[in-house]
């Protein structure tokens, strides 16, 4: 279901996507490496992840000018290139645009160059006409570009299609989730995160969180802990809540897309390359937005 093969869309946008690669060259380092910093410590108020302002149906809002938002994000990348390069000290490996809170306006996602088992992400929204980081796996990114709306919830993922569009079977409400996770020889964690908004900016809610510790030499599980909506829970409670969540929601046929550094061999270093990757991600969003109905 998460892989949508639509011949019509591919043919329609093939020329556009191919031409985008000639607009510039990309920045940052290549294959994933290094480790992410920080762990999630969110304490949402309820397991549904609902916010005070429910997200509208996707593509319902006509007041949001995404062309303007893309231009604002692009100017942000250009004006802050050196500071971004310093904050993403291992490099920027991917850029994508997704309307994660379904308010009609896209947010910008940036993958870092990797962690021990996954890549960390930073999420940028536009608040009062200014680009602001609302969640960052890397502390340096949050410190440099975050503000009053910086979430304690962080995300590690591997691809843009890890962000899944869901629909409540009873109410019909649509929302995005991601199953964040990371690990090493001695630990692993998995966290179900739901996206919403607080009226003016993107929010991240931790619905479920599991943390496992292992003996690094033998790989044997030493301990496991669980949280539901930020509160400690037993394993059977966690398992039941996880099952209930996915029993009550279905995944919709939408595949989030973005541009990764290693997907094109003509991406070079520097600002021009970073902007070229952002331009490619913009085209991919428009090609894919037909699926949000």
Protein backbone atom coordinates (compact mmCIF):
# COMPACT_ATOMS: atom_id res chain seq x y z
CA UNK A 1 0.00 0.00 0.00
CA UNK A 2 2.93 2.35 0.74
CA UNK A 3 4.33 1.89 -2.76
CA UNK A 4 2.13 3.66 -5.32
CA UNK A 5 3.06 2.85 -8.90
CA UNK A 6 1.11 5.25 -11.07
CA UNK A 7 2.19 5.14 -14.72
CA UNK A 8 0.17 8.22 -15.58
CA UNK A 9 1.91 10.40 -13.00
CA UNK A 10 5.34 9.08 -13.93
CA UNK A 11 4.82 9.87 -17.62
CA UNK A 12 3.29 13.28 -16.87
CA UNK A 13 6.13 14.49 -14.71
CA UNK A 14 9.13 12.63 -16.17
CA UNK A 15 10.33 15.60 -18.17
CA UNK A 16 10.00 17.93 -15.20
CA UNK A 17 11.84 15.64 -12.82
CA UNK A 18 14.66 15.00 -15.23
CA UNK A 19 15.13 18.69 -16.03
CA UNK A 20 15.35 19.56 -12.33
CA UNK A 21 18.69 17.81 -11.99
CA UNK A 22 20.28 20.35 -14.34
CA UNK A 23 19.37 23.36 -12.21
CA UNK A 24 22.26 22.98 -9.79
CA UNK A 25 24.41 20.67 -7.72
CA UNK A 26 23.88 19.45 -4.22
CA UNK A 27 25.61 19.89 -0.89
CA UNK A 28 26.63 17.95 2.15
CA UNK A 29 28.10 14.51 2.56
CA UNK A 30 26.89 11.28 1.00
CA UNK A 31 26.07 7.99 2.67
CA UNK A 32 24.71 7.95 6.24
CA UNK A 33 27.29 8.15 9.01
CA UNK A 34 27.65 9.49 12.54
CA UNK A 35 25.19 9.39 15.42
CA UNK A 36 22.13 11.44 16.27
CA UNK A 37 21.85 13.28 19.56
CA UNK A 38 19.02 13.38 22.04
CA UNK A 39 16.08 11.17 22.94
CA UNK A 40 12.37 11.80 22.93
CA UNK A 41 10.75 12.93 26.15
CA UNK A 42 7.32 14.01 25.01
CA UNK A 43 4.36 13.93 27.37
CA UNK A 44 1.22 14.27 25.26
CA UNK A 45 -2.13 14.53 26.99
CA UNK A 46 -3.85 11.58 25.32
CA UNK A 47 -3.04 8.54 23.26
CA UNK A 48 -4.98 9.69 20.21
CA UNK A 49 -2.54 12.53 19.69
CA UNK A 50 -5.35 14.95 18.95
CA UNK A 51 -4.54 18.62 19.24
CA UNK A 52 -6.62 21.58 20.35
CA UNK A 53 -7.07 22.53 16.69
CA UNK A 54 -7.97 19.44 14.59
CA UNK A 55 -6.28 19.32 11.23
CA UNK A 56 -8.58 19.96 8.26
CA UNK A 57 -9.10 17.50 5.43
CA UNK A 58 -6.01 17.45 3.14
CA UNK A 59 -6.02 19.95 0.29
CA UNK A 60 -9.14 21.62 1.72
CA UNK A 61 -7.41 24.92 2.42
CA UNK A 62 -7.22 27.24 -0.57
CA UNK A 63 -5.88 30.21 1.40
CA UNK A 64 -2.34 28.79 1.66
CA UNK A 65 0.01 29.71 -1.18
CA UNK A 66 2.51 26.86 -1.34
CA UNK A 67 4.47 28.54 -4.10
CA UNK A 68 5.14 31.35 -1.67
CA UNK A 69 6.03 28.86 1.07
CA UNK A 70 8.48 27.08 -1.23
CA UNK A 71 10.12 30.41 -2.03
CA UNK A 72 10.39 31.26 1.67
CA UNK A 73 11.99 27.89 2.42
CA UNK A 74 14.35 28.26 -0.53
CA UNK A 75 15.42 31.73 0.61
CA UNK A 76 15.97 30.33 4.10
CA UNK A 77 18.31 27.66 2.73
CA UNK A 78 20.22 30.25 0.73
CA UNK A 79 20.47 32.87 3.46
CA UNK A 80 21.47 30.37 6.16
CA UNK A 81 23.58 27.94 4.18
CA UNK A 82 26.74 28.27 6.25
CA UNK A 83 24.91 28.07 9.57
CA UNK A 84 22.97 25.05 8.34
CA UNK A 85 26.20 23.38 7.25
CA UNK A 86 27.69 23.99 10.69
CA UNK A 87 24.61 22.67 12.52
CA UNK A 88 24.26 19.59 10.29
CA UNK A 89 27.90 18.85 10.94
CA UNK A 90 27.81 15.43 9.25
CA UNK A 91 25.94 16.80 6.25
CA UNK A 92 22.42 17.09 4.87
CA UNK A 93 21.38 13.95 3.03
CA UNK A 94 17.78 14.68 2.05
CA UNK A 95 15.12 17.38 1.69
CA UNK A 96 11.38 16.91 1.29
CA UNK A 97 8.11 18.78 1.56
CA UNK A 98 5.02 17.25 3.19
CA UNK A 99 1.87 18.86 4.55
CA UNK A 100 2.21 16.92 7.77
CA UNK A 101 -0.45 18.84 9.71
CA UNK A 102 -2.84 18.87 6.74
CA UNK A 103 -3.55 22.59 6.97
CA UNK A 104 -2.85 23.10 3.26
CA UNK A 105 0.70 24.42 3.72
CA UNK A 106 3.79 22.26 3.31
CA UNK A 107 6.49 21.85 5.92
CA UNK A 108 10.16 21.24 5.08
CA UNK A 109 11.91 18.08 6.28
CA UNK A 110 15.67 17.70 6.28
CA UNK A 111 17.48 14.40 6.87
CA UNK A 112 20.91 14.50 8.45
CA UNK A 113 23.67 12.20 7.26
CA UNK A 114 22.74 9.33 9.50
CA UNK A 115 22.69 7.70 12.89
CA UNK A 116 23.65 4.28 14.15
CA UNK A 117 20.64 2.61 12.52
CA UNK A 118 18.61 5.47 11.03
CA UNK A 119 18.86 9.10 9.97
CA UNK A 120 17.71 11.97 12.13
CA UNK A 121 15.31 14.63 10.92
CA UNK A 122 14.66 18.31 11.41
CA UNK A 123 11.23 19.78 10.71
CA UNK A 124 10.75 23.39 9.63
CA UNK A 125 7.49 25.36 9.55
CA UNK A 126 6.74 28.98 8.72
CA UNK A 127 5.56 30.96 11.75
CA UNK A 128 4.74 34.66 11.31
CA UNK A 129 6.41 34.61 7.88
CA UNK A 130 9.64 33.25 9.36
CA UNK A 131 11.09 29.76 8.98
CA UNK A 132 11.37 28.06 12.36
CA UNK A 133 12.60 24.62 13.37
CA UNK A 134 9.85 22.84 15.34
CA UNK A 135 11.69 19.54 15.92
CA UNK A 136 15.33 18.55 15.52
CA UNK A 137 17.15 15.32 16.14
CA UNK A 138 20.44 17.22 16.35
CA UNK A 139 20.73 19.65 19.25
CA UNK A 140 22.80 22.10 17.21
CA UNK A 141 19.99 22.47 14.65
CA UNK A 142 17.36 23.11 17.30
CA UNK A 143 19.59 25.62 19.07
CA UNK A 144 20.35 27.50 15.87
CA UNK A 145 16.90 27.57 14.27
CA UNK A 146 14.38 26.62 16.96
CA UNK A 147 12.25 28.96 19.00
CA UNK A 148 9.32 28.87 21.36
CA UNK A 149 7.67 26.08 19.37
CA UNK A 150 10.53 23.56 19.43
CA UNK A 151 9.14 20.14 20.33
CA UNK A 152 10.81 17.67 22.68
CA UNK A 153 9.75 14.88 20.33
CA UNK A 154 12.44 13.91 17.82
CA UNK A 155 12.30 11.58 14.83
CA UNK A 156 14.68 9.05 13.33
CA UNK A 157 13.63 7.45 10.04
CA UNK A 158 15.07 6.06 6.83
CA UNK A 159 12.89 7.33 3.98
CA UNK A 160 10.26 9.95 3.24
CA UNK A 161 7.65 7.24 2.78
CA UNK A 162 8.06 6.37 6.45
CA UNK A 163 5.61 9.25 6.90
CA UNK A 164 2.22 7.63 6.43
CA UNK A 165 -1.16 9.22 5.79
CA UNK A 166 -3.83 7.59 7.96
CA UNK A 167 -7.59 7.89 8.30
CA UNK A 168 -9.72 7.21 11.36
CA UNK A 169 -12.20 4.51 10.33
CA UNK A 170 -15.00 5.98 12.46
CA UNK A 171 -14.63 9.74 12.08
CA UNK A 172 -12.91 9.94 8.69
CA UNK A 173 -10.25 12.28 10.10
CA UNK A 174 -6.93 12.13 8.26
CA UNK A 175 -3.53 12.53 9.88
CA UNK A 176 0.13 11.70 9.36
CA UNK A 177 2.18 9.38 11.56
CA UNK A 178 5.73 8.07 11.60
CA UNK A 179 7.18 5.12 13.47
CA UNK A 180 10.45 6.61 14.64
CA UNK A 181 13.24 4.31 15.71
CA UNK A 182 16.95 3.88 16.21
CA UNK A 183 19.37 1.49 17.85
CA UNK A 184 22.85 0.17 18.38
CA UNK A 185 24.41 -2.96 19.85
CA UNK A 186 23.15 -2.21 23.35
CA UNK A 187 19.78 -0.52 22.80
CA UNK A 188 16.86 0.12 20.48
CA UNK A 189 13.78 2.28 20.64
CA UNK A 190 10.56 2.61 18.68
CA UNK A 191 8.13 5.50 18.97
CA UNK A 192 4.81 6.13 17.27
CA UNK A 193 4.52 9.85 16.55
CA UNK A 194 1.42 11.66 15.29
CA UNK A 195 1.54 15.05 13.57
CA UNK A 196 -0.97 17.85 14.12
CA UNK A 197 -1.00 21.57 14.59
CA UNK A 198 -1.53 24.14 17.31
CA UNK A 199 -3.21 26.71 15.12
CA UNK A 200 -0.06 28.27 13.70
CA UNK A 201 2.63 25.60 13.68
CA UNK A 202 3.32 21.89 13.25
CA UNK A 203 3.21 19.73 16.39
CA UNK A 204 4.55 16.25 17.14
CA UNK A 205 2.85 13.99 19.67
CA UNK A 206 4.40 10.85 21.14
CA UNK A 207 1.67 8.22 21.29
CA UNK A 208 3.66 5.10 22.18
CA UNK A 209 7.29 4.53 23.09
CA UNK A 210 9.28 1.32 23.67
CA UNK A 211 12.89 1.24 24.83
CA UNK A 212 14.91 -2.01 24.95
CA UNK A 213 18.36 -2.61 26.41
CA UNK A 214 20.60 -5.47 25.29
CA UNK A 215 23.80 -7.11 26.37
CA UNK A 216 26.19 -5.71 23.78
CA UNK A 217 28.26 -8.90 23.72
CA UNK A 218 25.49 -11.48 23.51
CA UNK A 219 22.58 -9.49 22.06
CA UNK A 220 20.32 -10.81 24.81
CA UNK A 221 17.48 -8.51 25.89
CA UNK A 222 18.24 -7.15 29.36
CA UNK A 223 15.25 -4.89 29.98
CA UNK A 224 12.29 -3.28 28.23
CA UNK A 225 10.24 -0.24 29.18
CA UNK A 226 7.05 1.17 27.68
CA UNK A 227 5.19 4.49 27.66
CA UNK A 228 1.73 5.40 26.46
CA UNK A 229 1.13 9.11 25.96
CA UNK A 230 4.21 9.80 28.06
CA UNK A 231 3.13 7.63 30.99
CA UNK A 232 4.75 4.37 32.08
CA UNK A 233 2.88 1.26 30.95
CA UNK A 234 3.14 -2.53 31.10
CA UNK A 235 3.94 -4.55 28.00
CA UNK A 236 0.43 -5.99 27.68
CA UNK A 237 -1.05 -2.48 27.90
CA UNK A 238 1.35 -1.26 25.24
CA UNK A 239 0.65 -4.17 22.91
CA UNK A 240 -3.11 -3.73 23.29
CA UNK A 241 -2.92 0.02 22.63
CA UNK A 242 -0.73 -0.51 19.55
CA UNK A 243 -3.15 -3.05 18.12
CA UNK A 244 -6.15 -0.85 18.89
CA UNK A 245 -4.59 2.15 17.16
CA UNK A 246 -4.04 0.31 13.88
CA UNK A 247 -7.36 -1.51 14.12
CA UNK A 248 -9.12 1.88 14.25
CA UNK A 249 -7.12 3.60 11.50
CA UNK A 250 -6.28 2.65 7.93
CA UNK A 251 -3.37 3.77 5.80
CA UNK A 252 -4.32 5.74 2.71
CA UNK A 253 -2.69 5.34 -0.73
CA UNK A 254 -0.30 8.26 -0.47
CA UNK A 255 3.48 7.98 -0.69
CA UNK A 256 5.46 10.90 0.73
CA UNK A 257 8.43 11.78 -1.46
CA UNK A 258 11.59 13.84 -1.29
CA UNK A 259 15.09 14.14 -2.73
CA UNK A 260 18.08 12.26 -1.35
CA UNK A 261 21.70 13.07 -2.07
CA UNK A 262 22.66 9.59 -3.24
CA UNK A 263 19.81 9.33 -5.75
CA UNK A 264 21.62 11.51 -8.32
CA UNK A 265 25.28 11.20 -9.20
CA UNK A 266 25.52 14.76 -10.54
CA UNK A 267 24.85 16.45 -7.19
CA UNK A 268 27.98 18.31 -6.15
CA UNK A 269 28.95 20.24 -3.05
CA UNK A 270 27.84 23.75 -2.21
CA UNK A 271 24.75 25.92 -1.98
CA UNK A 272 23.75 25.37 -5.62
CA UNK A 273 23.52 21.65 -4.98
CA UNK A 274 21.42 22.10 -1.86
CA UNK A 275 19.00 24.33 -3.74
CA UNK A 276 18.83 21.87 -6.62
CA UNK A 277 17.81 19.14 -4.19
CA UNK A 278 15.13 21.44 -2.74
CA UNK A 279 13.85 22.20 -6.26
CA UNK A 280 13.64 18.48 -7.01
CA UNK A 281 11.73 17.90 -3.77
CA UNK A 282 9.30 20.66 -4.71
CA UNK A 283 8.49 19.00 -8.03
CA UNK A 284 8.06 15.65 -6.31
CA UNK A 285 5.58 17.17 -3.88
CA UNK A 286 3.45 18.63 -6.66
CA UNK A 287 3.59 15.38 -8.65
CA UNK A 288 2.47 13.45 -5.58
CA UNK A 289 -0.10 15.86 -4.16
CA UNK A 290 -2.77 14.52 -6.54
CA UNK A 291 -3.06 11.52 -4.23
CA UNK A 292 -4.22 13.61 -1.25
CA UNK A 293 -7.97 13.81 -1.75
